[in-house]
Structure formats: structure tokens, C-alpha cells
Amino acid sequence: MADIISSFPDSILCYILSFLPTKQVVTTSVLSKRWKLLWRSVPSLDFHLRAPDMDYMNYESRKLFLSSLLFSVYNFLLFREMEQPIHRLRFTSRGFHNFESIERCIKTALRISGRLEHLHINLDWVVELPSTVFTCKTLVVLELIMPPKKFSFVDLPLLKILHLRYVPSFECEDLQRFLSGCPNLEDLEVGSSLAEKSASNTAEKFHKLPKLIRANIHTDLVSLGFVKNVEVLVTDRIYKEDLGFDFQNLLQLELTRLELSTKWFEVLESLKHCPKLQALVIDIDEGREALLPCPDPVPTCISLHLRTCRLNNFRGSVVELQFAEFIMKNAHYLRTMKFCFPNYYAFDSLTRGELTRYISSCMKKSSDTCMLSFE
């Protein structure tokens, strides 16, 4: 059989290899002379520092193995083709405490990157990252899992996507300083924090982000008032203090970890402040049984604008069915109603088949144009 892939230009082969972990990329060098040096020009590097059986090693063996692994990463970076820029760098470490070596590798990668656009750093310990991480003029995407509290200066003029997932040492002032150096941000995600403080009346403290389109907020460090102009919002926060303004541009809202029976009124009140909402997604948490009153009047966005509704972890409880029927009955322009059942087969009263038939009968009574979907 002819080796068609090897006949591709180097640029195509390097692009294909950029989707693999760097360790696997290097192993392709043994395929043939054609592949021997390709690994040196791949524009995407993905380092995952963890041994498959590291949990079973004693401390000294683990330390020796990880030190050797980091030394290999450092040598890889030094022997890479310097004229070929790195566009994407992913660096993940688990159970590694040699902070100085980690910092040296990250600093070396940034130094030789040339035109780095996407940086992903996932460490299971808070370490002090090189200052060049926060002043990389070419960065477009920055993802930090457990970012450090200490950073002297942030200047990321081209950054459009910033994901800060799990910020255990962050406080409101830290986030404020970080965002002040990202004037062109379009997509912001802020995860949970162990140092949570009330975010009421903190929206005014943050520098405005006029280009922000999407926000994923799961922390009290950020008031929703700060992201009230976005088009897409994902959050698990529904507090009374968040309902004193309208989300005038919001087209898609996703509410996560939501117990409908206790947050029924907050959800409906929130929808009243989303006049243009077209898509609603709710990730349902299990809650108590309840039969709750329907609102009067119906929120305008439901009756006039809602096009799609998705209910995740739908189990068919009384309150879940009541909410689904409320949407199907009052959303006159609804085009898609999607029910995503849990992976396990457990429902409160009806079997999955009975539940599907019941929902279908409710839909027929309210709309002939909406498509039902069950997953």
C-alpha cells in the first residue's frame, strides 16, 4: 500500500501532528527518514508531566522520574527548530513539586515561541509563573488552571479569550488587576475561588471590557453587573442583587447546578431581565418535590423571542415537568425543545418511554412547529 501521507508537504504533516501530545509527535521520527526531523517544526506543543503509574511510586522514585521528565522537556525545547514559531503551548503537570524546573521550561518555551497565540497551563500547585506569561504581546488565548496570585503586571493587548479556572488564592482586587491588562477581551471565564468575597457593588471597580461577548462566571468575585452587556452568559449564580438591571444584549443564557424547586422564582425573575433571550439552557440539580405557581405575566423573552430550550439532567420530577410545560405552552416561537436525561436510568415516577410520550403529548397541545429532542 502506498504511503500517501508521507507525500504531503511538511506544513500539512506538521499541522496534523499538532493535534497529538508532544511525546507521541516525537515517536513518529522512527517511521522513516521523511519523518525523522518533522517533530522539530510542529507549531503546537503539548507537554503532560505525569507517569501512568506515578501514584504507586515512592517519593524518591517519583522525584527522580519527574526530574528526568522535565530535563527531557527542556532539552526538547533547546533542540527544536528555532526558526519555526510555536503558536500553541499546552503545559500540564500533576504531582510535581520542582517549581524552579517548571518555571524554567515555561520561560524557555515562551522565549523561543516567536508568535505564541494560545497558552494553556494546568498545574496542581500554585506556582509563580514567569512574568513573560502576562506580557506576551501575541497571545490571543490564555487558559490558566490554578493561576498564581502574584503577578506584577499584565499587558496582553491582543488577548480575546481568557479562562481562569479554579482561582483558590484570588480576591476581587487580583482579578481587577488582571482584567485591566486585557482591553480587547471577548470571552471571559472565571472559576471557583476559596477566598470568595461578596461581589455586590463591585461591578464599578472593574475596568470596562467593551468587546466582551461571552462570560462564564462561577464565583462571587465578579458581579454579574460587570458582564451585563454580553450576548452569552453561563453561570450558577442567581441572587437577588444580580437582578437590579437588564441584560439588554443577552441572546443565550445557561444556568448550571440549578435546583429548580428552590430557584423557581429567581429563574423566572431573571428571564424578565433578559428581553432578547433566544436560547435557554438549564443544568438541573436534584431537588425536593414541589408544585409551584406559574408567573403572571409571562416574561416577554419567553413569549416573543425564545427559540431553543435545553434541560440537562432531566429526571421528570413534578417541578421539572411543570417548568417544561410552562416553556412549551408560552414560548410561541419555540423551534427546539431538548431534554437530556441523566446517564443512569432513574426517574421519579415515569419510565423514560412514558416520560417521552407524556412530553410529546404536551407539545402537540401547544405547538406544531417545535421539534422535540430526547437524549
Protein backbone atom coordinates (compact mmCIF):
# COMPACT_ATOMS: atom_id res chain seq x y z
CA MET A 1 0.00 0.00 0.00
CA ALA A 2 1.40 3.40 -1.00
CA ASP A 3 2.37 5.82 1.77
CA ILE A 4 0.18 8.71 0.69
CA ILE A 5 0.53 10.69 3.92
CA SER A 6 4.30 10.95 3.66
CA SER A 7 3.91 12.63 0.29
CA PHE A 8 2.18 15.61 1.89
CA PRO A 9 4.15 18.86 2.29
CA ASP A 10 5.89 19.43 5.62
CA SER A 11 3.42 22.16 6.55
CA ILE A 12 0.47 19.74 6.24
CA LEU A 13 2.20 16.98 8.20
CA CYS A 14 3.17 19.39 10.97
CA TYR A 15 -0.41 20.63 11.14
CA ILE A 16 -1.65 17.05 11.54
CA LEU A 17 0.96 16.33 14.23
CA SER A 18 -0.03 19.46 16.13
CA PHE A 19 -3.17 17.64 17.34
CA LEU A 20 -1.10 14.98 19.16
CA PRO A 21 0.66 15.15 22.54
CA THR A 22 4.29 16.11 22.01
CA LYS A 23 5.52 12.76 23.34
CA GLN A 24 3.64 10.97 20.54
CA VAL A 25 4.87 13.50 17.99
CA VAL A 26 8.49 12.64 18.79
CA THR A 27 7.84 8.91 18.39
CA THR A 28 6.85 9.47 14.73
CA SER A 29 10.52 10.21 13.99
CA VAL A 30 11.20 6.45 13.81
CA LEU A 31 8.73 5.89 10.97
CA SER A 32 11.14 6.80 8.18
CA LYS A 33 13.76 9.34 7.15
CA ARG A 34 10.90 11.50 5.87
CA TRP A 35 9.57 11.86 9.43
CA LYS A 36 12.87 11.98 11.30
CA LEU A 37 13.05 15.75 11.87
CA LEU A 38 9.43 16.81 11.47
CA TRP A 39 8.90 16.98 15.24
CA ARG A 40 11.26 19.96 15.37
CA SER A 41 8.86 22.08 13.30
CA VAL A 42 5.45 21.25 14.78
CA PRO A 43 3.77 24.57 15.75
CA SER A 44 1.84 23.12 18.70
CA LEU A 45 3.47 21.63 21.81
CA ASP A 46 1.58 19.62 24.42
CA PHE A 47 3.56 18.52 27.50
CA HIS A 48 1.82 16.35 30.08
CA LEU A 49 4.14 15.68 33.02
CA ARG A 50 2.81 12.60 34.70
CA ALA A 51 3.69 8.91 34.71
CA PRO A 52 0.85 6.40 34.25
CA ASP A 53 1.79 4.58 37.46
CA MET A 54 3.16 7.54 39.41
CA ASP A 55 0.62 7.11 42.20
CA TYR A 56 2.29 3.83 43.12
CA MET A 57 5.84 5.24 43.25
CA ASN A 58 7.54 6.19 46.48
CA TYR A 59 8.63 9.80 46.96
CA GLU A 60 12.23 9.35 45.79
CA SER A 61 11.26 7.38 42.69
CA ARG A 62 8.62 9.94 41.78
CA LYS A 63 11.04 12.81 42.28
CA LEU A 64 13.71 11.12 40.13
CA PHE A 65 11.24 10.29 37.37
CA LEU A 66 9.72 13.77 37.17
CA SER A 67 13.12 15.46 37.27
CA SER A 68 14.21 13.29 34.36
CA LEU A 69 10.98 14.09 32.52
CA LEU A 70 11.43 17.83 32.93
CA PHE A 71 15.03 17.57 31.79
CA SER A 72 13.77 15.84 28.62
CA VAL A 73 11.24 18.63 28.05
CA TYR A 74 13.94 21.26 28.48
CA ASN A 75 16.24 19.50 26.00
CA PHE A 76 13.37 19.11 23.55
CA LEU A 77 12.81 22.86 23.58
CA LEU A 78 16.50 23.57 23.06
CA PHE A 79 16.84 21.19 20.10
CA ARG A 80 13.67 22.30 18.40
CA GLU A 81 13.96 24.16 15.09
CA MET A 82 14.31 27.75 16.30
CA GLU A 83 13.14 29.31 13.04
CA GLN A 84 9.74 27.63 13.34
CA PRO A 85 7.45 29.61 15.70
CA ILE A 86 5.29 28.00 18.37
CA HIS A 87 1.66 29.03 18.00
CA ARG A 88 0.17 26.86 20.75
CA LEU A 89 1.69 25.65 24.02
CA ARG A 90 -0.03 23.35 26.50
CA PHE A 91 1.72 22.54 29.77
CA THR A 92 0.11 20.18 32.29
CA SER A 93 1.72 18.87 35.48
CA ARG A 94 0.37 16.51 38.13
CA GLY A 95 2.10 15.79 41.44
CA PHE A 96 5.18 17.83 40.57
CA HIS A 97 6.83 19.99 43.22
CA ASN A 98 10.01 21.07 41.39
CA PHE A 99 8.73 24.57 40.78
CA GLU A 100 12.01 26.07 39.57
CA SER A 101 12.34 23.48 36.79
CA ILE A 102 8.74 24.02 35.71
CA GLU A 103 9.27 27.77 35.56
CA ARG A 104 12.48 27.30 33.56
CA CYS A 105 10.70 25.15 30.97
CA ILE A 106 7.82 27.58 30.61
CA LYS A 107 10.19 30.54 30.35
CA THR A 108 12.27 28.75 27.70
CA ALA A 109 9.19 27.86 25.67
CA LEU A 110 7.98 31.46 25.74
CA ARG A 111 11.42 32.75 24.77
CA ILE A 112 11.65 30.59 21.64
CA SER A 113 7.96 30.71 20.73
CA GLY A 114 8.16 33.68 18.37
CA ARG A 115 4.44 34.22 17.76
CA LEU A 116 2.70 32.33 20.54
CA GLU A 117 -1.07 32.73 20.27
CA HIS A 118 -2.52 30.03 22.56
CA LEU A 119 -1.13 29.23 26.02
CA HIS A 120 -2.66 26.63 28.35
CA ILE A 121 -1.05 26.00 31.75
CA ASN A 122 -2.60 23.47 34.14
CA LEU A 123 -0.71 22.91 37.40
CA ASP A 124 -1.99 21.25 40.54
CA TRP A 125 0.04 23.59 42.74
CA VAL A 126 0.06 27.38 42.77
CA VAL A 127 3.46 28.43 41.42
CA GLU A 128 4.90 31.77 40.44
CA LEU A 129 4.80 31.85 36.66
CA PRO A 130 7.38 33.81 34.64
CA SER A 131 6.40 37.44 34.11
CA THR A 132 6.58 36.89 30.35
CA VAL A 133 3.33 34.89 30.60
CA PHE A 134 1.50 38.11 31.48
CA THR A 135 3.24 40.36 28.96
CA CYS A 136 3.15 38.19 25.83
CA LYS A 137 2.08 40.66 23.14
CA THR A 138 0.96 37.98 20.67
CA LEU A 139 -1.31 35.93 22.95
CA VAL A 140 -4.89 35.53 21.75
CA VAL A 141 -5.97 32.68 24.07
CA LEU A 142 -4.81 32.22 27.68
CA GLU A 143 -6.07 29.37 29.86
CA LEU A 144 -4.77 29.08 33.42
CA ILE A 145 -5.92 26.37 35.79
CA MET A 146 -4.97 27.43 39.30
CA PRO A 147 -3.32 30.74 38.29
CA PRO A 148 -0.89 32.40 40.73
CA LYS A 149 -1.90 35.25 42.98
CA LYS A 150 1.41 37.02 42.49
CA PHE A 151 1.83 38.82 39.18
CA SER A 152 3.36 42.25 38.97
CA PHE A 153 1.99 43.48 35.67
CA VAL A 154 -0.44 42.32 32.96
CA ASP A 155 -0.23 43.61 29.40
CA LEU A 156 -2.00 41.34 26.89
CA PRO A 157 -3.22 43.71 24.15
CA LEU A 158 -4.35 41.02 21.66
CA LEU A 159 -5.94 38.64 24.16
CA LYS A 160 -9.50 37.69 23.20
CA ILE A 161 -10.11 34.56 25.30
CA LEU A 162 -9.22 34.35 29.00
CA HIS A 163 -10.14 31.30 31.08
CA LEU A 164 -9.15 31.33 34.76
CA ARG A 165 -10.43 28.01 36.12
CA TYR A 166 -10.18 27.40 39.85
CA VAL A 167 -8.61 30.51 41.37
CA PRO A 168 -8.04 29.43 45.02
CA SER A 169 -5.92 32.42 46.04
CA PHE A 170 -7.62 35.16 44.02
CA GLU A 171 -9.52 38.06 45.51
CA CYS A 172 -11.53 40.75 43.77
CA GLU A 173 -8.54 43.10 43.57
CA ASP A 174 -6.39 40.41 41.93
CA LEU A 175 -8.94 39.79 39.22
CA GLN A 176 -9.41 43.52 38.74
CA ARG A 177 -5.68 43.99 38.12
CA PHE A 178 -5.61 41.02 35.74
CA LEU A 179 -8.51 42.22 33.60
CA SER A 180 -7.17 45.77 33.42
CA GLY A 181 -4.41 44.46 31.14
CA CYS A 182 -6.80 42.75 28.70
CA PRO A 183 -8.62 45.59 26.89
CA ASN A 184 -9.77 43.53 23.88
CA LEU A 185 -11.23 40.56 25.75
CA GLU A 186 -14.23 38.88 24.09
CA ASP A 187 -14.55 35.65 26.11
CA LEU A 188 -14.09 35.53 29.90
CA GLU A 189 -14.32 32.53 32.22
CA VAL A 190 -13.68 32.72 35.95
CA GLY A 191 -13.96 29.57 38.05
CA SER A 192 -14.44 28.99 41.75
CA SER A 193 -12.34 30.57 44.49
CA LEU A 194 -11.55 29.58 48.07
CA ALA A 195 -11.20 33.24 49.03
CA GLU A 196 -14.67 34.25 47.96
CA LYS A 197 -15.98 37.66 48.98
CA SER A 198 -19.31 39.24 48.28
CA ALA A 199 -19.32 40.77 44.83
CA SER A 200 -22.19 43.15 45.46
CA ASN A 201 -21.37 46.69 44.34
CA THR A 202 -18.06 45.54 42.81
CA ALA A 203 -19.00 45.97 39.15
CA GLU A 204 -17.87 49.60 39.25
CA LYS A 205 -14.39 48.55 40.41
CA PHE A 206 -13.57 46.71 37.19
CA HIS A 207 -12.31 48.30 34.02
CA LYS A 208 -14.97 48.06 31.36
CA LEU A 209 -14.46 45.46 28.65
CA PRO A 210 -16.35 46.93 25.69
CA LYS A 211 -15.70 43.94 23.38
CA LEU A 212 -16.79 41.24 25.83
CA ILE A 213 -19.31 38.91 24.17
CA ARG A 214 -19.27 35.74 26.29
CA ALA A 215 -18.89 35.27 30.06
CA ASN A 216 -18.75 32.10 32.15
CA ILE A 217 -18.91 33.15 35.80
CA HIS A 218 -18.81 30.72 38.73
CA THR A 219 -17.51 32.88 41.54
CA ASP A 220 -18.63 35.69 43.81
CA LEU A 221 -15.52 37.65 42.82
CA VAL A 222 -17.38 39.03 39.82
CA SER A 223 -20.70 40.81 39.97
CA LEU A 224 -22.95 39.92 37.05
CA GLY A 225 -23.42 43.65 36.63
CA PHE A 226 -19.89 43.69 35.21
CA VAL A 227 -20.89 41.34 32.37
CA LYS A 228 -24.42 42.59 31.81
CA ASN A 229 -23.71 43.58 28.18
CA VAL A 230 -22.61 40.13 26.97
CA GLU A 231 -24.52 38.09 24.39
CA VAL A 232 -23.78 34.70 26.01
CA LEU A 233 -23.76 34.08 29.76
CA VAL A 234 -23.03 30.86 31.66
CA THR A 235 -23.37 30.99 35.44
CA ASP A 236 -24.55 29.22 38.57
CA ARG A 237 -25.34 32.49 40.30
CA ILE A 238 -28.91 33.70 40.66
CA TYR A 239 -29.02 36.16 43.51
CA LYS A 240 -31.46 38.96 44.22
CA GLU A 241 -28.66 41.52 43.98
CA ASP A 242 -28.00 40.36 40.42
CA LEU A 243 -31.48 41.30 39.26
CA GLY A 244 -31.32 45.07 39.54
CA PHE A 245 -30.52 45.62 35.87
CA ASP A 246 -31.35 44.24 32.43
CA PHE A 247 -29.17 42.07 30.19
CA GLN A 248 -30.05 44.08 27.12
CA ASN A 249 -27.83 42.15 24.67
CA LEU A 250 -28.19 38.65 26.09
CA LEU A 251 -29.17 36.06 23.48
CA GLN A 252 -28.11 32.84 25.22
CA LEU A 253 -28.30 32.02 28.94
CA GLU A 254 -27.03 28.83 30.58
CA LEU A 255 -27.79 28.24 34.26
CA THR A 256 -25.72 25.47 35.84
CA ARG A 257 -26.13 23.44 39.03
CA LEU A 258 -29.66 24.75 39.41
CA GLU A 259 -32.23 23.29 41.78
CA LEU A 260 -35.47 24.34 40.14
CA SER A 261 -37.66 23.78 43.20
CA THR A 262 -35.73 26.34 45.27
CA LYS A 263 -34.74 28.72 42.44
CA TRP A 264 -38.03 28.74 40.53
CA PHE A 265 -38.86 32.38 41.22
CA GLU A 266 -35.26 33.54 40.74
CA VAL A 267 -35.13 31.88 37.31
CA LEU A 268 -38.38 33.46 36.16
CA GLU A 269 -37.38 36.82 37.62
CA SER A 270 -34.04 36.59 35.78
CA LEU A 271 -35.83 35.94 32.50
CA LYS A 272 -37.78 39.15 32.96
CA HIS A 273 -34.43 40.97 32.77
CA CYS A 274 -33.40 39.26 29.50
CA PRO A 275 -35.70 40.93 26.95
CA LYS A 276 -33.97 39.50 23.83
CA LEU A 277 -33.16 35.98 25.04
CA GLN A 278 -33.36 33.35 22.29
CA ALA A 279 -31.67 30.30 23.83
CA LEU A 280 -32.03 28.92 27.37
CA VAL A 281 -30.04 26.02 28.85
CA ILE A 282 -30.55 24.74 32.39
CA ASP A 283 -28.38 22.10 34.07
CA ILE A 284 -30.73 20.74 36.72
CA ASP A 285 -29.65 19.62 40.18
CA GLU A 286 -31.84 17.24 42.12
CA GLY A 287 -34.21 18.97 44.50
CA ARG A 288 -37.35 18.45 46.52
CA GLU A 289 -40.77 17.76 45.03
CA ALA A 290 -42.92 20.83 44.64
CA LEU A 291 -45.87 22.23 42.74
CA LEU A 292 -45.20 25.88 42.12
CA PRO A 293 -47.41 28.68 40.78
CA CYS A 294 -46.86 29.91 37.24
CA PRO A 295 -45.93 33.57 36.83
CA ASP A 296 -48.30 36.18 35.56
CA PRO A 297 -47.43 37.86 33.29
CA VAL A 298 -45.14 35.56 31.30
CA PRO A 299 -41.63 37.03 30.74
CA THR A 300 -41.51 38.77 27.36
CA CYS A 301 -38.46 36.87 26.17
CA ILE A 302 -40.31 33.55 26.51
CA SER A 303 -43.44 34.61 24.66
CA LEU A 304 -41.77 36.62 21.88
CA HIS A 305 -38.12 35.60 21.39
CA LEU A 306 -37.23 32.17 22.81
CA ARG A 307 -36.20 29.80 20.01
CA THR A 308 -34.42 26.93 21.80
CA CYS A 309 -34.59 25.45 25.28
CA ARG A 310 -32.41 22.64 26.64
CA LEU A 311 -32.93 20.92 30.01
CA ASN A 312 -29.93 18.86 31.10
CA ASN A 313 -30.17 16.08 33.75
CA PHE A 314 -33.92 15.97 33.24
CA ARG A 315 -35.42 13.31 35.54
CA GLY A 316 -39.11 14.02 35.18
CA SER A 317 -39.83 15.37 38.66
CA VAL A 318 -43.01 17.36 39.25
CA VAL A 319 -41.27 20.72 39.20
CA GLU A 320 -39.19 19.82 36.12
CA LEU A 321 -42.28 18.77 34.18
CA GLN A 322 -44.06 21.90 35.33
CA PHE A 323 -41.22 24.11 34.07
CA ALA A 324 -41.04 22.25 30.74
CA GLU A 325 -44.80 22.59 30.21
CA PHE A 326 -44.62 26.27 31.09
CA ILE A 327 -41.97 26.85 28.40
CA MET A 328 -43.75 24.77 25.74
CA LYS A 329 -47.09 26.45 26.42
CA ASN A 330 -45.89 30.05 26.45
CA ALA A 331 -42.92 30.14 24.04
CA HIS A 332 -44.88 30.87 20.86
CA TYR A 333 -41.80 30.96 18.62
CA LEU A 334 -40.01 27.95 20.11
CA ARG A 335 -38.29 25.83 17.47
CA THR A 336 -36.36 23.25 19.52
CA MET A 337 -37.10 21.76 22.95
CA LYS A 338 -34.37 19.37 24.06
CA PHE A 339 -34.45 17.01 27.06
CA CYS A 340 -31.16 15.42 28.13
CA PHE A 341 -31.68 12.54 30.57
CA PRO A 342 -29.03 11.50 33.12
CA ASN A 343 -26.70 8.64 32.22
CA TYR A 344 -28.25 6.42 34.84
CA TYR A 345 -31.80 5.10 34.40
CA ALA A 346 -33.70 6.61 37.32
CA PHE A 347 -36.83 8.73 37.19
CA ASP A 348 -39.13 9.89 39.94
CA SER A 349 -42.41 8.46 38.70
CA LEU A 350 -42.42 7.64 34.98
CA THR A 351 -40.19 5.42 32.88
CA ARG A 352 -38.18 7.08 30.14
CA GLY A 353 -40.63 5.90 27.48
CA GLU A 354 -43.66 7.11 29.42
CA LEU A 355 -41.94 10.42 30.09
CA THR A 356 -41.15 10.87 26.40
CA ARG A 357 -44.74 10.13 25.38
CA TYR A 358 -46.14 12.49 28.03
CA ILE A 359 -43.91 15.38 26.93
CA SER A 360 -44.77 14.72 23.28
CA SER A 361 -48.49 14.92 24.06
CA CYS A 362 -47.97 18.24 25.88
CA MET A 363 -46.07 19.60 22.90
CA LYS A 364 -48.85 18.71 20.46
CA LYS A 365 -51.30 20.73 22.51
CA SER A 366 -49.16 23.85 22.38
CA SER A 367 -47.20 23.93 19.09
CA ASP A 368 -46.99 22.21 15.72
CA THR A 369 -43.71 23.85 14.69
CA CYS A 370 -41.44 22.97 17.62
CA MET A 371 -39.13 19.96 17.30
CA LEU A 372 -38.70 17.77 20.37
CA SER A 373 -35.38 16.08 21.08
CA PHE A 374 -34.60 13.40 23.71
CA GLU A 375 -31.05 12.36 24.55
